[in-house]
Each structure stands twice: as C-alpha cells, then as structure tokens.
Amino acid sequence: SICKGLSVKRCKLSHMLTCGLYFGVFQAAMPLIGY
C-alpha cells in the first residue's frame, strides 16, 4: 500500500479504499480457507 501511495501524484480516498478493501478482504478470507 505504501508503494501504491508512492505511485500516485495525488492521493484520493478511492485509492485508499481500493487498497484497504482488496487487501483486507483477502487477509480475512485466506485464514478462513486455511482454517
């Protein structure tokens, strides 16, 4: 996410929410699958 933030000229709420949602959903789903 830091790298993604580095890549944008102007940080928008949509950039932050996109990263948060993709990574948050997968970080929640993967331990459930492993469990």
PDB file of all heavy atoms in Angstrom:
ATOM      1  N   SER A   1       0.826  -1.204   0.000  1.00  0.00           N
ATOM      2  CA  SER A   1       0.000   0.000   0.000  1.00  0.00           C
ATOM      3  C   SER A   1       0.864   1.259   0.000  1.00  0.00           C
ATOM      4  O   SER A   1       0.524   2.255  -0.660  1.00  0.00           O
ATOM      5  CB  SER A   1      -0.938   0.008   1.208  1.00  0.00           C
ATOM      6  OG  SER A   1      -1.855  -1.053   1.117  1.00  0.00           O
ATOM      7  N   ILE A   2       1.971   1.226   0.720  1.00  0.00           N
ATOM      8  CA  ILE A   2       2.909   2.352   0.680  1.00  0.00           C
ATOM      9  C   ILE A   2       3.402   2.553  -0.752  1.00  0.00           C
ATOM     10  O   ILE A   2       3.436   3.678  -1.257  1.00  0.00           O
ATOM     11  CB  ILE A   2       4.085   2.136   1.651  1.00  0.00           C
ATOM     12  CG1 ILE A   2       3.608   2.268   3.094  1.00  0.00           C
ATOM     13  CG2 ILE A   2       5.210   3.143   1.374  1.00  0.00           C
ATOM     14  CD1 ILE A   2       4.654   1.922   4.135  1.00  0.00           C
ATOM     15  N   CYS A   3       3.765   1.454  -1.415  1.00  0.00           N
ATOM     16  CA  CYS A   3       4.219   1.551  -2.806  1.00  0.00           C
ATOM     17  C   CYS A   3       3.131   2.125  -3.709  1.00  0.00           C
ATOM     18  O   CYS A   3       3.414   2.933  -4.603  1.00  0.00           O
ATOM     19  CB  CYS A   3       4.654   0.183  -3.322  1.00  0.00           C
ATOM     20  SG  CYS A   3       6.171  -0.404  -2.574  1.00  0.00           S
ATOM     21  N   LYS A   4       1.911   1.667  -3.490  1.00  0.00           N
ATOM     22  CA  LYS A   4       0.803   2.197  -4.283  1.00  0.00           C
ATOM     23  C   LYS A   4       0.642   3.702  -4.019  1.00  0.00           C
ATOM     24  O   LYS A   4       0.386   4.482  -4.931  1.00  0.00           O
ATOM     25  CB  LYS A   4      -0.502   1.464  -3.976  1.00  0.00           C
ATOM     26  CG  LYS A   4      -0.533   0.024  -4.449  1.00  0.00           C
ATOM     27  CD  LYS A   4      -0.242  -0.051  -5.927  1.00  0.00           C
ATOM     28  CE  LYS A   4      -1.346  -0.679  -6.696  1.00  0.00           C
ATOM     29  NZ  LYS A   4      -1.039  -0.751  -8.130  1.00  0.00           N
ATOM     30  N   GLY A   5       0.794   4.115  -2.773  1.00  0.00           N
ATOM     31  CA  GLY A   5       0.718   5.533  -2.445  1.00  0.00           C
ATOM     32  C   GLY A   5       1.829   6.341  -3.091  1.00  0.00           C
ATOM     33  O   GLY A   5       1.628   7.485  -3.502  1.00  0.00           O
ATOM     34  N   LEU A   6       3.004   5.734  -3.190  1.00  0.00           N
ATOM     35  CA  LEU A   6       4.128   6.407  -3.851  1.00  0.00           C
ATOM     36  C   LEU A   6       3.851   6.646  -5.331  1.00  0.00           C
ATOM     37  O   LEU A   6       4.385   7.575  -5.921  1.00  0.00           O
ATOM     38  CB  LEU A   6       5.389   5.542  -3.738  1.00  0.00           C
ATOM     39  CG  LEU A   6       6.023   5.426  -2.373  1.00  0.00           C
ATOM     40  CD1 LEU A   6       7.079   4.344  -2.377  1.00  0.00           C
ATOM     41  CD2 LEU A   6       6.609   6.759  -1.965  1.00  0.00           C
ATOM     42  N   SER A   7       3.036   5.799  -5.917  1.00  0.00           N
ATOM     43  CA  SER A   7       2.830   5.830  -7.360  1.00  0.00           C
ATOM     44  C   SER A   7       1.807   6.863  -7.812  1.00  0.00           C
ATOM     45  O   SER A   7       1.686   7.111  -9.006  1.00  0.00           O
ATOM     46  CB  SER A   7       2.404   4.445  -7.856  1.00  0.00           C
ATOM     47  OG  SER A   7       1.084   4.154  -7.442  1.00  0.00           O
ATOM     48  N   VAL A   8       1.075   7.437  -6.875  1.00  0.00           N
ATOM     49  CA  VAL A   8       0.045   8.400  -7.263  1.00  0.00           C
ATOM     50  C   VAL A   8       0.541   9.822  -7.038  1.00  0.00           C
ATOM     51  O   VAL A   8       1.236  10.091  -6.071  1.00  0.00           O
ATOM     52  CB  VAL A   8      -1.289   8.172  -6.510  1.00  0.00           C
ATOM     53  CG1 VAL A   8      -1.882   6.827  -6.874  1.00  0.00           C
ATOM     54  CG2 VAL A   8      -1.119   8.279  -5.019  1.00  0.00           C
ATOM     55  N   LYS A   9       0.185  10.688  -7.952  1.00  0.00           N
ATOM     56  CA  LYS A   9       0.581  12.089  -7.816  1.00  0.00           C
ATOM     57  C   LYS A   9      -0.237  12.768  -6.715  1.00  0.00           C
ATOM     58  O   LYS A   9       0.262  13.566  -5.957  1.00  0.00           O
ATOM     59  CB  LYS A   9       0.388  12.814  -9.143  1.00  0.00           C
ATOM     60  CG  LYS A   9       1.371  12.411 -10.214  1.00  0.00           C
ATOM     61  CD  LYS A   9       1.197  13.302 -11.422  1.00  0.00           C
ATOM     62  CE  LYS A   9       2.041  13.040 -12.597  1.00  0.00           C
ATOM     63  NZ  LYS A   9       2.959  12.074 -12.745  1.00  0.00           N
ATOM     64  N   ARG A  10      -1.497  12.412  -6.643  1.00  0.00           N
ATOM     65  CA  ARG A  10      -2.400  12.981  -5.637  1.00  0.00           C
ATOM     66  C   ARG A  10      -3.203  11.827  -5.035  1.00  0.00           C
ATOM     67  O   ARG A  10      -3.938  11.145  -5.729  1.00  0.00           O
ATOM     68  CB  ARG A  10      -3.328  13.987  -6.302  1.00  0.00           C
ATOM     69  CG  ARG A  10      -4.200  14.737  -5.330  1.00  0.00           C
ATOM     70  CD  ARG A  10      -4.933  15.889  -6.031  1.00  0.00           C
ATOM     71  NE  ARG A  10      -6.037  16.318  -5.214  1.00  0.00           N
ATOM     72  CZ  ARG A  10      -7.289  15.878  -5.348  1.00  0.00           C
ATOM     73  NH1 ARG A  10      -7.581  15.011  -6.281  1.00  0.00           N
ATOM     74  NH2 ARG A  10      -8.232  16.306  -4.540  1.00  0.00           N
ATOM     75  N   CYS A  11      -3.057  11.626  -3.745  1.00  0.00           N
ATOM     76  CA  CYS A  11      -3.744  10.532  -3.064  1.00  0.00           C
ATOM     77  C   CYS A  11      -5.228  10.863  -2.922  1.00  0.00           C
ATOM     78  O   CYS A  11      -5.604  11.908  -2.406  1.00  0.00           O
ATOM     79  CB  CYS A  11      -3.117  10.313  -1.695  1.00  0.00           C
ATOM     80  SG  CYS A  11      -3.804   8.931  -0.794  1.00  0.00           S
ATOM     81  N   LYS A  12      -6.056   9.934  -3.399  1.00  0.00           N
ATOM     82  CA  LYS A  12      -7.509  10.099  -3.307  1.00  0.00           C
ATOM     83  C   LYS A  12      -8.079   9.060  -2.348  1.00  0.00           C
ATOM     84  O   LYS A  12      -7.480   8.006  -2.128  1.00  0.00           O
ATOM     85  CB  LYS A  12      -8.150   9.901  -4.687  1.00  0.00           C
ATOM     86  CG  LYS A  12      -7.711  10.904  -5.720  1.00  0.00           C
ATOM     87  CD  LYS A  12      -8.367  10.582  -7.047  1.00  0.00           C
ATOM     88  CE  LYS A  12      -7.867  11.495  -8.138  1.00  0.00           C
ATOM     89  NZ  LYS A  12      -8.390  11.103  -9.453  1.00  0.00           N
ATOM     90  N   LEU A  13      -9.254   9.352  -1.829  1.00  0.00           N
ATOM     91  CA  LEU A  13      -9.948   8.408  -0.961  1.00  0.00           C
ATOM     92  C   LEU A  13     -10.175   7.083  -1.687  1.00  0.00           C
ATOM     93  O   LEU A  13     -10.049   6.009  -1.089  1.00  0.00           O
ATOM     94  CB  LEU A  13     -11.278   8.994  -0.486  1.00  0.00           C
ATOM     95  CG  LEU A  13     -12.117   8.112   0.434  1.00  0.00           C
ATOM     96  CD1 LEU A  13     -11.364   7.793   1.722  1.00  0.00           C
ATOM     97  CD2 LEU A  13     -13.453   8.774   0.737  1.00  0.00           C
ATOM     98  N   SER A  14     -10.463   7.147  -2.976  1.00  0.00           N
ATOM     99  CA  SER A  14     -10.696   5.914  -3.746  1.00  0.00           C
ATOM    100  C   SER A  14      -9.449   5.035  -3.793  1.00  0.00           C
ATOM    101  O   SER A  14      -9.556   3.806  -3.772  1.00  0.00           O
ATOM    102  CB  SER A  14     -11.168   6.232  -5.170  1.00  0.00           C
ATOM    103  OG  SER A  14     -10.171   6.937  -5.884  1.00  0.00           O
ATOM    104  N   HIS A  15      -8.258   5.634  -3.837  1.00  0.00           N
ATOM    105  CA  HIS A  15      -7.019   4.852  -3.812  1.00  0.00           C
ATOM    106  C   HIS A  15      -6.890   4.106  -2.482  1.00  0.00           C
ATOM    107  O   HIS A  15      -6.564   2.918  -2.445  1.00  0.00           O
ATOM    108  CB  HIS A  15      -5.786   5.741  -3.996  1.00  0.00           C
ATOM    109  CG  HIS A  15      -5.724   6.422  -5.327  1.00  0.00           C
ATOM    110  ND1 HIS A  15      -5.336   7.728  -5.460  1.00  0.00           N
ATOM    111  CD2 HIS A  15      -5.996   5.982  -6.577  1.00  0.00           C
ATOM    112  CE1 HIS A  15      -5.368   8.072  -6.731  1.00  0.00           C
ATOM    113  NE2 HIS A  15      -5.770   7.019  -7.436  1.00  0.00           N
ATOM    114  N   MET A  16      -7.154   4.831  -1.406  1.00  0.00           N
ATOM    115  CA  MET A  16      -7.023   4.233  -0.079  1.00  0.00           C
ATOM    116  C   MET A  16      -8.059   3.130   0.138  1.00  0.00           C
ATOM    117  O   MET A  16      -7.732   2.054   0.651  1.00  0.00           O
ATOM    118  CB  MET A  16      -7.140   5.310   0.998  1.00  0.00           C
ATOM    119  CG  MET A  16      -5.996   6.314   0.966  1.00  0.00           C
ATOM    120  SD  MET A  16      -6.019   7.523   2.305  1.00  0.00           S
ATOM    121  CE  MET A  16      -7.455   8.487   1.899  1.00  0.00           C
ATOM    122  N   LEU A  17      -9.299   3.381  -0.261  1.00  0.00           N
ATOM    123  CA  LEU A  17     -10.351   2.377  -0.081  1.00  0.00           C
ATOM    124  C   LEU A  17     -10.116   1.150  -0.958  1.00  0.00           C
ATOM    125  O   LEU A  17     -10.386   0.019  -0.530  1.00  0.00           O
ATOM    126  CB  LEU A  17     -11.726   2.982  -0.372  1.00  0.00           C
ATOM    127  CG  LEU A  17     -12.229   3.998   0.649  1.00  0.00           C
ATOM    128  CD1 LEU A  17     -13.555   4.605   0.198  1.00  0.00           C
ATOM    129  CD2 LEU A  17     -12.355   3.372   2.026  1.00  0.00           C
ATOM    130  N   THR A  18      -9.619   1.347  -2.171  1.00  0.00           N
ATOM    131  CA  THR A  18      -9.340   0.215  -3.056  1.00  0.00           C
ATOM    132  C   THR A  18      -8.310  -0.709  -2.425  1.00  0.00           C
ATOM    133  O   THR A  18      -8.519  -1.924  -2.343  1.00  0.00           O
ATOM    134  CB  THR A  18      -8.861   0.702  -4.442  1.00  0.00           C
ATOM    135  OG1 THR A  18      -9.901   1.474  -5.042  1.00  0.00           O
ATOM    136  CG2 THR A  18      -8.514  -0.469  -5.338  1.00  0.00           C
ATOM    137  N   CYS A  19      -7.200  -0.145  -1.974  1.00  0.00           N
ATOM    138  CA  CYS A  19      -6.180  -0.977  -1.323  1.00  0.00           C
ATOM    139  C   CYS A  19      -6.717  -1.616  -0.052  1.00  0.00           C
ATOM    140  O   CYS A  19      -6.532  -2.814   0.177  1.00  0.00           O
ATOM    141  CB  CYS A  19      -4.939  -0.142  -0.999  1.00  0.00           C
ATOM    142  SG  CYS A  19      -3.838   0.099  -2.389  1.00  0.00           S
ATOM    143  N   GLY A  20      -7.390  -0.828   0.767  1.00  0.00           N
ATOM    144  CA  GLY A  20      -7.933  -1.354   2.021  1.00  0.00           C
ATOM    145  C   GLY A  20      -8.890  -2.507   1.804  1.00  0.00           C
ATOM    146  O   GLY A  20      -8.812  -3.535   2.484  1.00  0.00           O
ATOM    147  N   LEU A  21      -9.787  -2.366   0.841  1.00  0.00           N
ATOM    148  CA  LEU A  21     -10.768  -3.421   0.589  1.00  0.00           C
ATOM    149  C   LEU A  21     -10.132  -4.671  -0.011  1.00  0.00           C
ATOM    150  O   LEU A  21     -10.409  -5.790   0.455  1.00  0.00           O
ATOM    151  CB  LEU A  21     -11.890  -2.906  -0.314  1.00  0.00           C
ATOM    152  CG  LEU A  21     -12.877  -1.976   0.368  1.00  0.00           C
ATOM    153  CD1 LEU A  21     -13.827  -1.349  -0.657  1.00  0.00           C
ATOM    154  CD2 LEU A  21     -13.667  -2.713   1.439  1.00  0.00           C
ATOM    155  N   TYR A  22      -9.310  -4.521  -1.036  1.00  0.00           N
ATOM    156  CA  TYR A  22      -8.685  -5.709  -1.632  1.00  0.00           C
ATOM    157  C   TYR A  22      -7.861  -6.472  -0.598  1.00  0.00           C
ATOM    158  O   TYR A  22      -8.036  -7.676  -0.409  1.00  0.00           O
ATOM    159  CB  TYR A  22      -7.791  -5.324  -2.817  1.00  0.00           C
ATOM    160  CG  TYR A  22      -8.503  -5.345  -4.140  1.00  0.00           C
ATOM    161  CD1 TYR A  22      -9.000  -4.180  -4.697  1.00  0.00           C
ATOM    162  CD2 TYR A  22      -8.693  -6.539  -4.832  1.00  0.00           C
ATOM    163  CE1 TYR A  22      -9.664  -4.192  -5.912  1.00  0.00           C
ATOM    164  CE2 TYR A  22      -9.357  -6.560  -6.045  1.00  0.00           C
ATOM    165  CZ  TYR A  22      -9.840  -5.387  -6.578  1.00  0.00           C
ATOM    166  OH  TYR A  22     -10.499  -5.405  -7.782  1.00  0.00           O
ATOM    167  N   PHE A  23      -6.966  -5.765   0.060  1.00  0.00           N
ATOM    168  CA  PHE A  23      -6.075  -6.449   0.989  1.00  0.00           C
ATOM    169  C   PHE A  23      -6.813  -6.933   2.235  1.00  0.00           C
ATOM    170  O   PHE A  23      -6.554  -8.032   2.729  1.00  0.00           O
ATOM    171  CB  PHE A  23      -4.893  -5.554   1.358  1.00  0.00           C
ATOM    172  CG  PHE A  23      -4.001  -5.243   0.193  1.00  0.00           C
ATOM    173  CD1 PHE A  23      -3.610  -3.947  -0.068  1.00  0.00           C
ATOM    174  CD2 PHE A  23      -3.544  -6.236  -0.659  1.00  0.00           C
ATOM    175  CE1 PHE A  23      -2.783  -3.638  -1.142  1.00  0.00           C
ATOM    176  CE2 PHE A  23      -2.730  -5.953  -1.736  1.00  0.00           C
ATOM    177  CZ  PHE A  23      -2.339  -4.639  -1.980  1.00  0.00           C
ATOM    178  N   GLY A  24      -7.740  -6.134   2.751  1.00  0.00           N
ATOM    179  CA  GLY A  24      -8.498  -6.539   3.935  1.00  0.00           C
ATOM    180  C   GLY A  24      -9.348  -7.774   3.695  1.00  0.00           C
ATOM    181  O   GLY A  24      -9.374  -8.694   4.513  1.00  0.00           O
ATOM    182  N   VAL A  25     -10.039  -7.811   2.553  1.00  0.00           N
ATOM    183  CA  VAL A  25     -10.884  -8.974   2.232  1.00  0.00           C
ATOM    184  C   VAL A  25     -10.035 -10.231   2.070  1.00  0.00           C
ATOM    185  O   VAL A  25     -10.369 -11.298   2.612  1.00  0.00           O
ATOM    186  CB  VAL A  25     -11.745  -8.704   0.975  1.00  0.00           C
ATOM    187  CG1 VAL A  25     -12.361  -9.979   0.442  1.00  0.00           C
ATOM    188  CG2 VAL A  25     -12.824  -7.678   1.287  1.00  0.00           C
ATOM    189  N   PHE A  26      -8.925 -10.125   1.358  1.00  0.00           N
ATOM    190  CA  PHE A  26      -8.096 -11.317   1.152  1.00  0.00           C
ATOM    191  C   PHE A  26      -7.401 -11.747   2.435  1.00  0.00           C
ATOM    192  O   PHE A  26      -7.246 -12.939   2.684  1.00  0.00           O
ATOM    193  CB  PHE A  26      -7.092 -11.095   0.020  1.00  0.00           C
ATOM    194  CG  PHE A  26      -7.660 -11.421  -1.326  1.00  0.00           C
ATOM    195  CD1 PHE A  26      -8.436 -10.503  -2.004  1.00  0.00           C
ATOM    196  CD2 PHE A  26      -7.456 -12.669  -1.889  1.00  0.00           C
ATOM    197  CE1 PHE A  26      -8.996 -10.799  -3.234  1.00  0.00           C
ATOM    198  CE2 PHE A  26      -8.001 -12.983  -3.120  1.00  0.00           C
ATOM    199  CZ  PHE A  26      -8.783 -12.049  -3.800  1.00  0.00           C
ATOM    200  N   GLN A  27      -6.985 -10.785   3.274  1.00  0.00           N
ATOM    201  CA  GLN A  27      -6.356 -11.160   4.547  1.00  0.00           C
ATOM    202  C   GLN A  27      -7.364 -11.818   5.481  1.00  0.00           C
ATOM    203  O   GLN A  27      -6.983 -12.577   6.354  1.00  0.00           O
ATOM    204  CB  GLN A  27      -5.739  -9.938   5.240  1.00  0.00           C
ATOM    205  CG  GLN A  27      -4.471  -9.445   4.599  1.00  0.00           C
ATOM    206  CD  GLN A  27      -3.275 -10.347   4.809  1.00  0.00           C
ATOM    207  OE1 GLN A  27      -3.348 -11.409   5.410  1.00  0.00           O
ATOM    208  NE2 GLN A  27      -2.146  -9.925   4.289  1.00  0.00           N
ATOM    209  N   ALA A  28      -8.648 -11.554   5.304  1.00  0.00           N
ATOM    210  CA  ALA A  28      -9.675 -12.223   6.110  1.00  0.00           C
ATOM    211  C   ALA A  28     -10.056 -13.570   5.504  1.00  0.00           C
ATOM    212  O   ALA A  28     -10.271 -14.547   6.233  1.00  0.00           O
ATOM    213  CB  ALA A  28     -10.914 -11.328   6.225  1.00  0.00           C
ATOM    214  N   ALA A  29     -10.134 -13.641   4.188  1.00  0.00           N
ATOM    215  CA  ALA A  29     -10.579 -14.875   3.527  1.00  0.00           C
ATOM    216  C   ALA A  29      -9.529 -15.986   3.595  1.00  0.00           C
ATOM    217  O   ALA A  29      -9.884 -17.156   3.787  1.00  0.00           O
ATOM    218  CB  ALA A  29     -10.933 -14.593   2.071  1.00  0.00           C
ATOM    219  N   MET A  30      -8.284 -15.649   3.451  1.00  0.00           N
ATOM    220  CA  MET A  30      -7.249 -16.687   3.409  1.00  0.00           C
ATOM    221  C   MET A  30      -7.109 -17.454   4.723  1.00  0.00           C
ATOM    222  O   MET A  30      -7.009 -18.679   4.700  1.00  0.00           O
ATOM    223  CB  MET A  30      -5.912 -16.099   2.972  1.00  0.00           C
ATOM    224  CG  MET A  30      -5.919 -15.678   1.516  1.00  0.00           C
ATOM    225  SD  MET A  30      -6.226 -17.049   0.395  1.00  0.00           S
ATOM    226  CE  MET A  30      -4.773 -16.946  -0.603  1.00  0.00           C
ATOM    227  N   PRO A  31      -7.119 -16.810   5.899  1.00  0.00           N
ATOM    228  CA  PRO A  31      -7.051 -17.621   7.115  1.00  0.00           C
ATOM    229  C   PRO A  31      -8.302 -18.481   7.306  1.00  0.00           C
ATOM    230  O   PRO A  31      -8.223 -19.571   7.873  1.00  0.00           O
ATOM    231  CB  PRO A  31      -6.894 -16.620   8.253  1.00  0.00           C
ATOM    232  CG  PRO A  31      -6.959 -15.288   7.675  1.00  0.00           C
ATOM    233  CD  PRO A  31      -7.005 -15.395   6.194  1.00  0.00           C
ATOM    234  N   LEU A  32      -9.438 -17.998   6.812  1.00  0.00           N
ATOM    235  CA  LEU A  32     -10.654 -18.805   6.891  1.00  0.00           C
ATOM    236  C   LEU A  32     -10.500 -20.067   6.048  1.00  0.00           C
ATOM    237  O   LEU A  32     -10.820 -21.174   6.502  1.00  0.00           O
ATOM    238  CB  LEU A  32     -11.865 -17.993   6.422  1.00  0.00           C
ATOM    239  CG  LEU A  32     -13.197 -18.741   6.415  1.00  0.00           C
ATOM    240  CD1 LEU A  32     -13.557 -19.223   7.817  1.00  0.00           C
ATOM    241  CD2 LEU A  32     -14.292 -17.849   5.855  1.00  0.00           C
ATOM    242  N   ILE A  33      -9.978 -19.918   4.848  1.00  0.00           N
ATOM    243  CA  ILE A  33      -9.729 -21.088   3.986  1.00  0.00           C
ATOM    244  C   ILE A  33      -8.725 -22.027   4.648  1.00  0.00           C
ATOM    245  O   ILE A  33      -8.927 -23.241   4.694  1.00  0.00           O
ATOM    246  CB  ILE A  33      -9.244 -20.642   2.595  1.00  0.00           C
ATOM    247  CG1 ILE A  33     -10.361 -19.898   1.858  1.00  0.00           C
ATOM    248  CG2 ILE A  33      -8.742 -21.828   1.772  1.00  0.00           C
ATOM    249  CD1 ILE A  33      -9.896 -19.149   0.618  1.00  0.00           C
ATOM    250  N   GLY A  34      -7.643 -21.466   5.191  1.00  0.00           N
ATOM    251  CA  GLY A  34      -6.643 -22.285   5.891  1.00  0.00           C
ATOM    252  C   GLY A  34      -7.231 -22.988   7.095  1.00  0.00           C
ATOM    253  O   GLY A  34      -6.933 -24.156   7.359  1.00  0.00           O
ATOM    254  N   TYR A  35      -8.098 -22.308   7.820  1.00  0.00           N
ATOM    255  CA  TYR A  35      -8.753 -22.895   8.983  1.00  0.00           C
ATOM    256  C   TYR A  35      -9.623 -24.087   8.573  1.00  0.00           C
ATOM    257  O   TYR A  35      -9.594 -25.143   9.209  1.00  0.00           O
ATOM    258  CB  TYR A  35      -9.604 -21.833   9.676  1.00  0.00           C
ATOM    259  CG  TYR A  35     -10.346 -22.318  10.893  1.00  0.00           C
ATOM    260  CD1 TYR A  35      -9.740 -22.308  12.135  1.00  0.00           C
ATOM    261  CD2 TYR A  35     -11.659 -22.776  10.797  1.00  0.00           C
ATOM    262  CE1 TYR A  35     -10.426 -22.743  13.261  1.00  0.00           C
ATOM    263  CE2 TYR A  35     -12.346 -23.214  11.917  1.00  0.00           C
ATOM    264  CZ  TYR A  35     -11.727 -23.192  13.141  1.00  0.00           C
ATOM    265  OH  TYR A  35     -12.393 -23.631  14.243  1.00  0.00           O
TER     266      TYR A  35
END
